[in-house]
């Protein structure tokens, strides 16, 4: 998805979250910000980074969703249901 967006919109400079390219589900045309899936991010953190579900959730909220890096900060879509 990310590569398709970059190719389709070559004039837009997207701000990406490191290591989470597979979690991109789209972008907001108005603000030109990438949209990431929380459930896909959680899957990456658990499967690729070896975190437990709880560690991944804590990491997500503190280091990813809680990080503001300017007006192009990505949008994180809450599509993850907790047990």
N, C-alpha and C. Protein backbone atom coordinates (compact mmCIF):
# COMPACT_ATOMS: atom_id res chain seq x y z
N UNK A 1 0.82 -1.19 0.00
CA UNK A 1 0.00 0.00 0.00
C UNK A 1 0.87 1.26 0.00
N UNK A 2 1.88 1.30 0.86
CA UNK A 2 2.72 2.49 0.95
C UNK A 2 3.41 2.78 -0.37
N UNK A 3 3.99 1.77 -0.99
CA UNK A 3 4.68 1.97 -2.26
C UNK A 3 3.72 2.48 -3.33
N UNK A 4 2.50 1.97 -3.34
CA UNK A 4 1.49 2.42 -4.30
C UNK A 4 1.17 3.90 -4.08
N UNK A 5 1.05 4.31 -2.83
CA UNK A 5 0.77 5.71 -2.52
C UNK A 5 1.91 6.61 -2.97
N UNK A 6 3.13 6.19 -2.70
CA UNK A 6 4.30 6.99 -3.10
C UNK A 6 4.36 7.14 -4.61
N UNK A 7 4.08 6.05 -5.32
CA UNK A 7 4.10 6.10 -6.79
C UNK A 7 2.93 6.91 -7.34
N UNK A 8 1.78 6.83 -6.72
CA UNK A 8 0.59 7.54 -7.20
C UNK A 8 0.62 9.02 -6.89
N UNK A 9 1.32 9.40 -5.83
CA UNK A 9 1.38 10.80 -5.41
C UNK A 9 2.84 11.22 -5.23
N UNK A 10 3.59 11.31 -6.32
CA UNK A 10 5.03 11.58 -6.23
C UNK A 10 5.38 12.97 -5.67
N UNK A 11 4.43 13.90 -5.70
CA UNK A 11 4.71 15.24 -5.21
C UNK A 11 4.50 15.40 -3.71
N UNK A 12 3.93 14.37 -3.07
CA UNK A 12 3.68 14.43 -1.63
C UNK A 12 4.83 13.79 -0.88
N UNK A 13 5.32 14.49 0.13
CA UNK A 13 6.36 13.94 1.00
C UNK A 13 5.68 13.38 2.23
N UNK A 14 5.52 12.07 2.27
CA UNK A 14 4.87 11.41 3.39
C UNK A 14 5.84 11.24 4.55
N UNK A 15 5.35 11.45 5.75
CA UNK A 15 6.13 11.18 6.95
C UNK A 15 5.78 9.77 7.41
N UNK A 16 6.77 8.88 7.43
CA UNK A 16 6.54 7.47 7.72
C UNK A 16 6.99 7.13 9.14
N UNK A 17 6.29 6.16 9.73
CA UNK A 17 6.70 5.61 11.02
C UNK A 17 7.70 4.48 10.73
N UNK A 18 8.86 4.54 11.34
CA UNK A 18 9.93 3.57 11.08
C UNK A 18 9.48 2.13 11.34
N UNK A 19 9.73 1.27 10.35
CA UNK A 19 9.48 -0.15 10.50
C UNK A 19 8.03 -0.58 10.41
N UNK A 20 7.15 0.34 10.06
CA UNK A 20 5.72 0.02 10.06
C UNK A 20 5.07 0.19 8.69
N UNK A 21 5.86 0.09 7.64
CA UNK A 21 5.33 0.28 6.28
C UNK A 21 4.15 -0.65 5.97
N UNK A 22 4.20 -1.88 6.50
CA UNK A 22 3.14 -2.86 6.21
C UNK A 22 1.83 -2.52 6.92
N UNK A 23 1.85 -1.55 7.83
CA UNK A 23 0.64 -1.17 8.57
C UNK A 23 -0.09 0.01 7.94
N UNK A 24 0.43 0.56 6.85
CA UNK A 24 -0.23 1.68 6.17
C UNK A 24 -1.50 1.17 5.48
N UNK A 25 -2.61 1.87 5.74
CA UNK A 25 -3.88 1.49 5.11
C UNK A 25 -4.45 2.59 4.21
N UNK A 26 -3.77 3.73 4.13
CA UNK A 26 -4.24 4.80 3.26
C UNK A 26 -3.62 6.12 3.65
N UNK A 27 -4.23 7.21 3.16
CA UNK A 27 -3.78 8.53 3.56
C UNK A 27 -4.93 9.51 3.49
N UNK A 28 -4.82 10.58 4.25
CA UNK A 28 -5.83 11.63 4.28
C UNK A 28 -5.45 12.67 3.24
N UNK A 29 -6.30 12.83 2.24
CA UNK A 29 -5.98 13.75 1.14
C UNK A 29 -5.90 15.20 1.59
N UNK A 30 -6.70 15.59 2.56
CA UNK A 30 -6.71 16.98 3.01
C UNK A 30 -5.40 17.37 3.69
N UNK A 31 -4.95 16.53 4.62
CA UNK A 31 -3.74 16.86 5.36
C UNK A 31 -2.49 16.19 4.79
N UNK A 32 -2.68 15.30 3.81
CA UNK A 32 -1.58 14.55 3.18
C UNK A 32 -0.78 13.75 4.20
N UNK A 33 -1.52 13.15 5.17
CA UNK A 33 -0.89 12.33 6.21
C UNK A 33 -1.24 10.87 5.99
N UNK A 34 -0.26 10.01 6.22
CA UNK A 34 -0.49 8.57 6.12
C UNK A 34 -1.40 8.10 7.24
N UNK A 35 -2.16 7.05 6.96
CA UNK A 35 -3.03 6.44 7.96
C UNK A 35 -2.54 5.02 8.21
N UNK A 36 -2.29 4.72 9.48
CA UNK A 36 -1.81 3.41 9.89
C UNK A 36 -2.89 2.66 10.65
N UNK A 37 -2.93 1.36 10.47
CA UNK A 37 -3.85 0.48 11.19
C UNK A 37 -3.23 0.07 12.52
N UNK A 38 -3.94 0.33 13.61
CA UNK A 38 -3.43 -0.08 14.92
C UNK A 38 -3.29 -1.60 15.01
N UNK A 39 -4.25 -2.34 14.47
CA UNK A 39 -4.18 -3.80 14.55
C UNK A 39 -2.97 -4.33 13.79
N UNK A 40 -2.64 -3.73 12.67
CA UNK A 40 -1.47 -4.16 11.91
C UNK A 40 -0.18 -3.78 12.63
N UNK A 41 -0.17 -2.63 13.27
CA UNK A 41 1.00 -2.23 14.06
C UNK A 41 1.21 -3.22 15.20
N UNK A 42 0.13 -3.57 15.89
CA UNK A 42 0.23 -4.51 17.00
C UNK A 42 0.77 -5.85 16.50
N UNK A 43 0.31 -6.29 15.36
CA UNK A 43 0.78 -7.56 14.78
C UNK A 43 2.29 -7.50 14.50
N UNK A 44 2.74 -6.38 13.95
CA UNK A 44 4.17 -6.21 13.67
C UNK A 44 4.98 -6.24 14.96
N UNK A 45 4.52 -5.53 15.98
CA UNK A 45 5.26 -5.47 17.24
C UNK A 45 5.34 -6.84 17.91
N UNK A 46 4.27 -7.62 17.83
CA UNK A 46 4.25 -8.94 18.46
C UNK A 46 5.05 -9.95 17.64
N UNK A 47 4.78 -10.02 16.34
CA UNK A 47 5.39 -11.05 15.51
C UNK A 47 6.83 -10.76 15.12
N UNK A 48 7.13 -9.52 14.77
CA UNK A 48 8.47 -9.21 14.30
C UNK A 48 9.41 -8.73 15.40
N UNK A 49 8.85 -8.04 16.39
CA UNK A 49 9.69 -7.49 17.44
C UNK A 49 9.66 -8.34 18.71
N UNK A 50 8.85 -9.39 18.72
CA UNK A 50 8.83 -10.33 19.83
C UNK A 50 8.21 -9.82 21.12
N UNK A 51 7.36 -8.82 21.04
CA UNK A 51 6.72 -8.28 22.24
C UNK A 51 5.49 -9.12 22.60
N UNK A 52 5.13 -9.08 23.87
CA UNK A 52 3.85 -9.65 24.28
C UNK A 52 2.76 -8.67 23.86
N UNK A 53 1.50 -9.09 23.92
CA UNK A 53 0.40 -8.18 23.58
C UNK A 53 0.43 -6.94 24.48
N UNK A 54 0.66 -7.14 25.76
CA UNK A 54 0.68 -6.02 26.70
C UNK A 54 1.85 -5.07 26.43
N UNK A 55 3.03 -5.63 26.18
CA UNK A 55 4.19 -4.81 25.85
C UNK A 55 3.95 -4.01 24.57
N UNK A 56 3.37 -4.67 23.57
CA UNK A 56 3.09 -4.01 22.29
C UNK A 56 2.10 -2.86 22.47
N UNK A 57 1.07 -3.09 23.29
CA UNK A 57 0.07 -2.05 23.53
C UNK A 57 0.69 -0.86 24.25
N UNK A 58 1.49 -1.12 25.27
CA UNK A 58 2.18 -0.04 25.99
C UNK A 58 3.11 0.72 25.04
N UNK A 59 3.89 -0.02 24.26
CA UNK A 59 4.82 0.59 23.31
C UNK A 59 4.06 1.44 22.29
N UNK A 60 2.97 0.90 21.77
CA UNK A 60 2.17 1.62 20.79
C UNK A 60 1.71 2.97 21.33
N UNK A 61 1.09 2.97 22.51
CA UNK A 61 0.54 4.22 23.05
C UNK A 61 1.62 5.21 23.44
N UNK A 62 2.72 4.73 23.99
CA UNK A 62 3.76 5.64 24.46
C UNK A 62 4.67 6.14 23.34
N UNK A 63 5.10 5.24 22.46
CA UNK A 63 6.11 5.58 21.47
C UNK A 63 5.59 5.87 20.07
N UNK A 64 4.41 5.41 19.75
CA UNK A 64 3.90 5.58 18.39
C UNK A 64 2.74 6.58 18.38
N UNK A 65 1.62 6.19 18.96
CA UNK A 65 0.44 7.06 18.94
C UNK A 65 0.68 8.35 19.71
N UNK A 66 1.51 8.29 20.74
CA UNK A 66 1.77 9.47 21.56
C UNK A 66 2.84 10.40 21.02
N UNK A 67 3.44 10.05 19.91
CA UNK A 67 4.52 10.86 19.35
C UNK A 67 3.98 11.89 18.36
N UNK A 68 4.27 13.15 18.60
CA UNK A 68 3.91 14.21 17.65
C UNK A 68 5.19 14.70 17.02
N UNK A 69 5.25 14.63 15.68
CA UNK A 69 6.46 15.04 14.97
C UNK A 69 6.17 16.11 13.92
N UNK A 70 5.19 16.94 14.22
CA UNK A 70 4.85 18.03 13.32
C UNK A 70 3.54 17.81 12.61
N UNK A 71 3.21 18.72 11.72
CA UNK A 71 1.90 18.70 11.06
C UNK A 71 1.68 17.49 10.16
N UNK A 72 2.73 16.80 9.79
CA UNK A 72 2.60 15.60 8.95
C UNK A 72 2.61 14.31 9.78
N UNK A 73 2.47 14.43 11.11
CA UNK A 73 2.42 13.25 11.97
C UNK A 73 1.35 12.31 11.43
N UNK A 74 1.68 11.04 11.26
CA UNK A 74 0.69 10.10 10.72
C UNK A 74 -0.57 9.99 11.59
N UNK A 75 -1.62 9.51 10.98
CA UNK A 75 -2.88 9.25 11.66
C UNK A 75 -2.91 7.76 12.00
N UNK A 76 -3.31 7.44 13.22
CA UNK A 76 -3.39 6.05 13.65
C UNK A 76 -4.85 5.68 13.85
N UNK A 77 -5.31 4.72 13.07
CA UNK A 77 -6.70 4.30 13.07
C UNK A 77 -6.90 3.19 14.11
N UNK A 78 -7.78 3.44 15.08
CA UNK A 78 -8.06 2.43 16.11
C UNK A 78 -8.99 1.39 15.52
N UNK A 79 -8.43 0.27 15.12
CA UNK A 79 -9.21 -0.84 14.56
C UNK A 79 -8.84 -2.13 15.28
N UNK A 80 -8.43 -1.99 16.52
CA UNK A 80 -7.93 -3.11 17.32
C UNK A 80 -8.86 -3.31 18.51
N UNK A 81 -9.40 -4.50 18.62
CA UNK A 81 -10.30 -4.78 19.73
C UNK A 81 -9.55 -5.53 20.82
N UNK A 82 -9.67 -5.04 22.03
CA UNK A 82 -9.02 -5.67 23.16
C UNK A 82 -9.88 -6.81 23.69
N UNK A 83 -9.23 -7.84 24.24
CA UNK A 83 -9.96 -8.97 24.81
C UNK A 83 -10.58 -8.59 26.14
